[in-house]
Amino acid sequence: MTELPGNVGFASPITERKLSSTRNVAVELLATVALAVSLVIAGTAVSIGMARAQVLHAASHPRISAYW
């Protein structure tokens, strides 16, 4: 028995595959760029947080704060 393509409408399956693959590539590229940007933002936020925590920790200790 032949498999049904699962498409709705009257377009040929070849046209649907080409548009679908182009759309998938665009969505995957957008998702990859968004992931990379979010990783850079998260890394920057963590770095800033660690730097601020070290400054606050140094200010709270009397021995260390004498050198500031």
PDB file of N, CA and C in Angstrom:
ATOM      1  N   MET A   1       0.840  -1.169   0.000  1.00  0.00           N
ATOM      2  CA  MET A   1       0.000   0.000   0.000  1.00  0.00           C
ATOM      3  C   MET A   1       0.891   1.240   0.000  1.00  0.00           C
ATOM      4  N   THR A   2       0.497   2.232  -0.751  1.00  0.00           N
ATOM      5  CA  THR A   2       1.293   3.466  -0.829  1.00  0.00           C
ATOM      6  C   THR A   2       1.050   4.339   0.398  1.00  0.00           C
ATOM      7  N   GLU A   3       2.121   5.028   0.787  1.00  0.00           N
ATOM      8  CA  GLU A   3       2.032   5.945   1.922  1.00  0.00           C
ATOM      9  C   GLU A   3       1.459   7.276   1.454  1.00  0.00           C
ATOM     10  N   LEU A   4       0.594   7.841   2.233  1.00  0.00           N
ATOM     11  CA  LEU A   4       0.059   9.156   1.926  1.00  0.00           C
ATOM     12  C   LEU A   4       1.066  10.212   2.375  1.00  0.00           C
ATOM     13  N   PRO A   5       1.235  11.291   1.575  1.00  0.00           N
ATOM     14  CA  PRO A   5       2.245  12.288   1.927  1.00  0.00           C
ATOM     15  C   PRO A   5       1.866  13.143   3.134  1.00  0.00           C
ATOM     16  N   GLY A   6       0.604  13.169   3.518  1.00  0.00           N
ATOM     17  CA  GLY A   6       0.188  13.960   4.657  1.00  0.00           C
ATOM     18  C   GLY A   6       0.008  15.431   4.336  1.00  0.00           C
ATOM     19  N   ASN A   7       0.033  15.800   3.061  1.00  0.00           N
ATOM     20  CA  ASN A   7      -0.147  17.194   2.655  1.00  0.00           C
ATOM     21  C   ASN A   7      -1.624  17.488   2.445  1.00  0.00           C
ATOM     22  N   VAL A   8      -2.002  18.712   2.722  1.00  0.00           N
ATOM     23  CA  VAL A   8      -3.365  19.149   2.481  1.00  0.00           C
ATOM     24  C   VAL A   8      -3.334  20.122   1.314  1.00  0.00           C
ATOM     25  N   GLY A   9      -4.229  19.981   0.393  1.00  0.00           N
ATOM     26  CA  GLY A   9      -4.300  20.892  -0.742  1.00  0.00           C
ATOM     27  C   GLY A   9      -3.907  20.211  -2.032  1.00  0.00           C
ATOM     28  N   PHE A  10      -3.652  21.037  -3.057  1.00  0.00           N
ATOM     29  CA  PHE A  10      -3.412  20.507  -4.386  1.00  0.00           C
ATOM     30  C   PHE A  10      -1.996  20.732  -4.884  1.00  0.00           C
ATOM     31  N   ALA A  11      -1.071  21.197  -4.064  1.00  0.00           N
ATOM     32  CA  ALA A  11       0.304  21.425  -4.500  1.00  0.00           C
ATOM     33  C   ALA A  11       1.021  20.089  -4.668  1.00  0.00           C
ATOM     34  N   SER A  12       1.991  20.090  -5.583  1.00  0.00           N
ATOM     35  CA  SER A  12       2.739  18.852  -5.793  1.00  0.00           C
ATOM     36  C   SER A  12       3.679  18.603  -4.613  1.00  0.00           C
ATOM     37  N   PRO A  13       3.967  17.354  -4.293  1.00  0.00           N
ATOM     38  CA  PRO A  13       4.849  17.041  -3.163  1.00  0.00           C
ATOM     39  C   PRO A  13       6.261  17.601  -3.332  1.00  0.00           C
ATOM     40  N   ILE A  14       6.739  17.730  -4.584  1.00  0.00           N
ATOM     41  CA  ILE A  14       8.087  18.240  -4.819  1.00  0.00           C
ATOM     42  C   ILE A  14       8.172  19.698  -4.383  1.00  0.00           C
ATOM     43  N   THR A  15       7.164  20.497  -4.714  1.00  0.00           N
ATOM     44  CA  THR A  15       7.148  21.902  -4.318  1.00  0.00           C
ATOM     45  C   THR A  15       7.099  22.033  -2.804  1.00  0.00           C
ATOM     46  N   GLU A  16       6.294  21.224  -2.175  1.00  0.00           N
ATOM     47  CA  GLU A  16       6.167  21.279  -0.720  1.00  0.00           C
ATOM     48  C   GLU A  16       7.489  20.930  -0.040  1.00  0.00           C
ATOM     49  N   ARG A  17       8.202  19.949  -0.544  1.00  0.00           N
ATOM     50  CA  ARG A  17       9.474  19.547   0.062  1.00  0.00           C
ATOM     51  C   ARG A  17      10.504  20.657  -0.045  1.00  0.00           C
ATOM     52  N   LYS A  18      10.560  21.316  -1.199  1.00  0.00           N
ATOM     53  CA  LYS A  18      11.552  22.363  -1.393  1.00  0.00           C
ATOM     54  C   LYS A  18      11.272  23.548  -0.470  1.00  0.00           C
ATOM     55  N   LEU A  19      10.034  23.986  -0.401  1.00  0.00           N
ATOM     56  CA  LEU A  19       9.678  25.088   0.490  1.00  0.00           C
ATOM     57  C   LEU A  19       9.878  24.709   1.947  1.00  0.00           C
ATOM     58  N   SER A  20       9.530  23.482   2.271  1.00  0.00           N
ATOM     59  CA  SER A  20       9.664  23.025   3.645  1.00  0.00           C
ATOM     60  C   SER A  20      11.126  22.955   4.067  1.00  0.00           C
ATOM     61  N   SER A  21      11.999  22.464   3.185  1.00  0.00           N
ATOM     62  CA  SER A  21      13.414  22.364   3.551  1.00  0.00           C
ATOM     63  C   SER A  21      14.050  23.742   3.668  1.00  0.00           C
ATOM     64  N   THR A  22      13.648  24.679   2.807  1.00  0.00           N
ATOM     65  CA  THR A  22      14.165  26.041   2.902  1.00  0.00           C
ATOM     66  C   THR A  22      13.701  26.700   4.199  1.00  0.00           C
ATOM     67  N   ARG A  23      12.465  26.491   4.551  1.00  0.00           N
ATOM     68  CA  ARG A  23      11.921  27.048   5.781  1.00  0.00           C
ATOM     69  C   ARG A  23      12.618  26.435   6.993  1.00  0.00           C
ATOM     70  N   ASN A  24      12.873  25.127   6.946  1.00  0.00           N
ATOM     71  CA  ASN A  24      13.546  24.461   8.057  1.00  0.00           C
ATOM     72  C   ASN A  24      14.964  24.984   8.244  1.00  0.00           C
ATOM     73  N   VAL A  25      15.664  25.210   7.151  1.00  0.00           N
ATOM     74  CA  VAL A  25      17.033  25.729   7.242  1.00  0.00           C
ATOM     75  C   VAL A  25      17.023  27.118   7.865  1.00  0.00           C
ATOM     76  N   ALA A  26      16.075  27.945   7.463  1.00  0.00           N
ATOM     77  CA  ALA A  26      15.991  29.302   8.008  1.00  0.00           C
ATOM     78  C   ALA A  26      15.671  29.268   9.507  1.00  0.00           C
ATOM     79  N   VAL A  27      14.773  28.411   9.912  1.00  0.00           N
ATOM     80  CA  VAL A  27      14.413  28.302  11.329  1.00  0.00           C
ATOM     81  C   VAL A  27      15.589  27.770  12.141  1.00  0.00           C
ATOM     82  N   GLU A  28      16.299  26.788  11.619  1.00  0.00           N
ATOM     83  CA  GLU A  28      17.455  26.238  12.329  1.00  0.00           C
ATOM     84  C   GLU A  28      18.566  27.281  12.457  1.00  0.00           C
ATOM     85  N   LEU A  29      18.790  28.069  11.413  1.00  0.00           N
ATOM     86  CA  LEU A  29      19.808  29.110  11.471  1.00  0.00           C
ATOM     87  C   LEU A  29      19.429  30.177  12.497  1.00  0.00           C
ATOM     88  N   LEU A  30      18.178  30.580  12.500  1.00  0.00           N
ATOM     89  CA  LEU A  30      17.711  31.561  13.472  1.00  0.00           C
ATOM     90  C   LEU A  30      17.846  31.027  14.897  1.00  0.00           C
ATOM     91  N   ALA A  31      17.508  29.768  15.118  1.00  0.00           N
ATOM     92  CA  ALA A  31      17.624  29.173  16.452  1.00  0.00           C
ATOM     93  C   ALA A  31      19.078  29.094  16.893  1.00  0.00           C
ATOM     94  N   THR A  32      19.985  28.776  15.976  1.00  0.00           N
ATOM     95  CA  THR A  32      21.406  28.702  16.309  1.00  0.00           C
ATOM     96  C   THR A  32      21.959  30.068  16.686  1.00  0.00           C
ATOM     97  N   VAL A  33      21.590  31.090  15.931  1.00  0.00           N
ATOM     98  CA  VAL A  33      22.046  32.448  16.241  1.00  0.00           C
ATOM     99  C   VAL A  33      21.476  32.908  17.580  1.00  0.00           C
ATOM    100  N   ALA A  34      20.205  32.619  17.834  1.00  0.00           N
ATOM    101  CA  ALA A  34      19.591  33.009  19.103  1.00  0.00           C
ATOM    102  C   ALA A  34      20.261  32.303  20.277  1.00  0.00           C
ATOM    103  N   LEU A  35      20.618  31.042  20.104  1.00  0.00           N
ATOM    104  CA  LEU A  35      21.307  30.304  21.162  1.00  0.00           C
ATOM    105  C   LEU A  35      22.686  30.892  21.425  1.00  0.00           C
ATOM    106  N   ALA A  36      23.406  31.223  20.385  1.00  0.00           N
ATOM    107  CA  ALA A  36      24.738  31.807  20.553  1.00  0.00           C
ATOM    108  C   ALA A  36      24.663  33.153  21.265  1.00  0.00           C
ATOM    109  N   VAL A  37      23.706  33.986  20.887  1.00  0.00           N
ATOM    110  CA  VAL A  37      23.554  35.294  21.530  1.00  0.00           C
ATOM    111  C   VAL A  37      23.173  35.123  22.995  1.00  0.00           C
ATOM    112  N   SER A  38      22.278  34.201  23.290  1.00  0.00           N
ATOM    113  CA  SER A  38      21.869  34.001  24.677  1.00  0.00           C
ATOM    114  C   SER A  38      23.011  33.450  25.528  1.00  0.00           C
ATOM    115  N   LEU A  39      23.869  32.621  24.954  1.00  0.00           N
ATOM    116  CA  LEU A  39      25.028  32.126  25.691  1.00  0.00           C
ATOM    117  C   LEU A  39      26.013  33.248  26.004  1.00  0.00           C
ATOM    118  N   VAL A  40      26.212  34.150  25.061  1.00  0.00           N
ATOM    119  CA  VAL A  40      27.104  35.291  25.304  1.00  0.00           C
ATOM    120  C   VAL A  40      26.524  36.182  26.397  1.00  0.00           C
ATOM    121  N   ILE A  41      25.238  36.434  26.358  1.00  0.00           N
ATOM    122  CA  ILE A  41      24.603  37.269  27.380  1.00  0.00           C
ATOM    123  C   ILE A  41      24.693  36.596  28.747  1.00  0.00           C
ATOM    124  N   ALA A  42      24.432  35.299  28.804  1.00  0.00           N
ATOM    125  CA  ALA A  42      24.508  34.585  30.084  1.00  0.00           C
ATOM    126  C   ALA A  42      25.932  34.577  30.622  1.00  0.00           C
ATOM    127  N   GLY A  43      26.906  34.363  29.772  1.00  0.00           N
ATOM    128  CA  GLY A  43      28.305  34.373  30.211  1.00  0.00           C
ATOM    129  C   GLY A  43      28.722  35.738  30.730  1.00  0.00           C
ATOM    130  N   THR A  44      28.265  36.780  30.078  1.00  0.00           N
ATOM    131  CA  THR A  44      28.575  38.137  30.536  1.00  0.00           C
ATOM    132  C   THR A  44      27.929  38.408  31.889  1.00  0.00           C
ATOM    133  N   ALA A  45      26.692  38.006  32.061  1.00  0.00           N
ATOM    134  CA  ALA A  45      25.999  38.227  33.330  1.00  0.00           C
ATOM    135  C   ALA A  45      26.682  37.470  34.468  1.00  0.00           C
ATOM    136  N   VAL A  46      27.100  36.241  34.211  1.00  0.00           N
ATOM    137  CA  VAL A  46      27.784  35.458  35.241  1.00  0.00           C
ATOM    138  C   VAL A  46      29.124  36.090  35.577  1.00  0.00           C
ATOM    139  N   SER A  47      29.863  36.543  34.594  1.00  0.00           N
ATOM    140  CA  SER A  47      31.161  37.176  34.837  1.00  0.00           C
ATOM    141  C   SER A  47      31.010  38.450  35.663  1.00  0.00           C
ATOM    142  N   ILE A  48      30.024  39.269  35.327  1.00  0.00           N
ATOM    143  CA  ILE A  48      29.790  40.496  36.089  1.00  0.00           C
ATOM    144  C   ILE A  48      29.375  40.157  37.519  1.00  0.00           C
ATOM    145  N   GLY A  49      28.534  39.167  37.677  1.00  0.00           N
ATOM    146  CA  GLY A  49      28.102  38.758  39.010  1.00  0.00           C
ATOM    147  C   GLY A  49      29.256  38.244  39.854  1.00  0.00           C
ATOM    148  N   MET A  50      30.142  37.473  39.254  1.00  0.00           N
ATOM    149  CA  MET A  50      31.300  36.966  39.992  1.00  0.00           C
ATOM    150  C   MET A  50      32.235  38.104  40.377  1.00  0.00           C
ATOM    151  N   ALA A  51      32.433  39.062  39.505  1.00  0.00           N
ATOM    152  CA  ALA A  51      33.315  40.187  39.803  1.00  0.00           C
ATOM    153  C   ALA A  51      32.741  41.031  40.940  1.00  0.00           C
ATOM    154  N   ARG A  52      31.436  41.269  40.913  1.00  0.00           N
ATOM    155  CA  ARG A  52      30.814  42.041  41.991  1.00  0.00           C
ATOM    156  C   ARG A  52      30.862  41.285  43.303  1.00  0.00           C
ATOM    157  N   ALA A  53      30.689  39.978  43.272  1.00  0.00           N
ATOM    158  CA  ALA A  53      30.733  39.182  44.493  1.00  0.00           C
ATOM    159  C   ALA A  53      32.128  39.209  45.102  1.00  0.00           C
ATOM    160  N   GLN A  54      33.168  39.204  44.284  1.00  0.00           N
ATOM    161  CA  GLN A  54      34.532  39.248  44.809  1.00  0.00           C
ATOM    162  C   GLN A  54      34.826  40.601  45.442  1.00  0.00           C
ATOM    163  N   VAL A  55      34.319  41.671  44.857  1.00  0.00           N
ATOM    164  CA  VAL A  55      34.534  43.001  45.425  1.00  0.00           C
ATOM    165  C   VAL A  55      33.802  43.120  46.760  1.00  0.00           C
ATOM    166  N   LEU A  56      32.575  42.633  46.824  1.00  0.00           N
ATOM    167  CA  LEU A  56      31.822  42.703  48.082  1.00  0.00           C
ATOM    168  C   LEU A  56      32.464  41.827  49.148  1.00  0.00           C
ATOM    169  N   HIS A  57      32.983  40.684  48.761  1.00  0.00           N
ATOM    170  CA  HIS A  57      33.643  39.796  49.707  1.00  0.00           C
ATOM    171  C   HIS A  57      34.917  40.447  50.244  1.00  0.00           C
ATOM    172  N   ALA A  58      35.663  41.106  49.399  1.00  0.00           N
ATOM    173  CA  ALA A  58      36.898  41.757  49.826  1.00  0.00           C
ATOM    174  C   ALA A  58      36.596  42.935  50.744  1.00  0.00           C
ATOM    175  N   ALA A  59      35.530  43.657  50.498  1.00  0.00           N
ATOM    176  CA  ALA A  59      35.189  44.811  51.329  1.00  0.00           C
ATOM    177  C   ALA A  59      34.696  44.392  52.704  1.00  0.00           C
ATOM    178  N   SER A  60      34.182  43.191  52.841  1.00  0.00           N
ATOM    179  CA  SER A  60      33.640  42.753  54.121  1.00  0.00           C
ATOM    180  C   SER A  60      34.713  42.210  55.062  1.00  0.00           C
ATOM    181  N   HIS A  61      35.887  41.900  54.565  1.00  0.00           N
ATOM    182  CA  HIS A  61      36.970  41.398  55.408  1.00  0.00           C
ATOM    183  C   HIS A  61      37.920  42.548  55.759  1.00  0.00           C
ATOM    184  N   PRO A  62      38.204  42.759  57.041  1.00  0.00           N
ATOM    185  CA  PRO A  62      39.033  43.900  57.423  1.00  0.00           C
ATOM    186  C   PRO A  62      40.477  43.799  56.932  1.00  0.00           C
ATOM    187  N   ARG A  63      41.027  42.613  56.892  1.00  0.00           N
ATOM    188  CA  ARG A  63      42.420  42.472  56.451  1.00  0.00           C
ATOM    189  C   ARG A  63      42.558  42.802  54.969  1.00  0.00           C
ATOM    190  N   ILE A  64      41.624  42.329  54.202  1.00  0.00           N
ATOM    191  CA  ILE A  64      41.702  42.530  52.762  1.00  0.00           C
ATOM    192  C   ILE A  64      41.334  43.964  52.398  1.00  0.00           C
ATOM    193  N   SER A  65      40.376  44.554  53.106  1.00  0.00           N
ATOM    194  CA  SER A  65      39.908  45.891  52.745  1.00  0.00           C
ATOM    195  C   SER A  65      40.967  46.963  53.037  1.00  0.00           C
ATOM    196  N   ALA A  66      41.965  46.656  53.868  1.00  0.00           N
ATOM    197  CA  ALA A  66      43.021  47.636  54.145  1.00  0.00           C
ATOM    198  C   ALA A  66      43.864  47.875  52.908  1.00  0.00           C
ATOM    199  N   TYR A  67      43.910  46.938  52.008  1.00  0.00           N
ATOM    200  CA  TYR A  67      44.709  47.085  50.787  1.00  0.00           C
ATOM    201  C   TYR A  67      43.964  47.784  49.676  1.00  0.00           C
ATOM    202  N   TRP A  68      42.682  48.058  49.862  1.00  0.00           N
ATOM    203  CA  TRP A  68      41.912  48.701  48.798  1.00  0.00           C
ATOM    204  C   TRP A  68      42.033  50.148  48.936  1.00  0.00           C
TER     205      TRP A  68
END
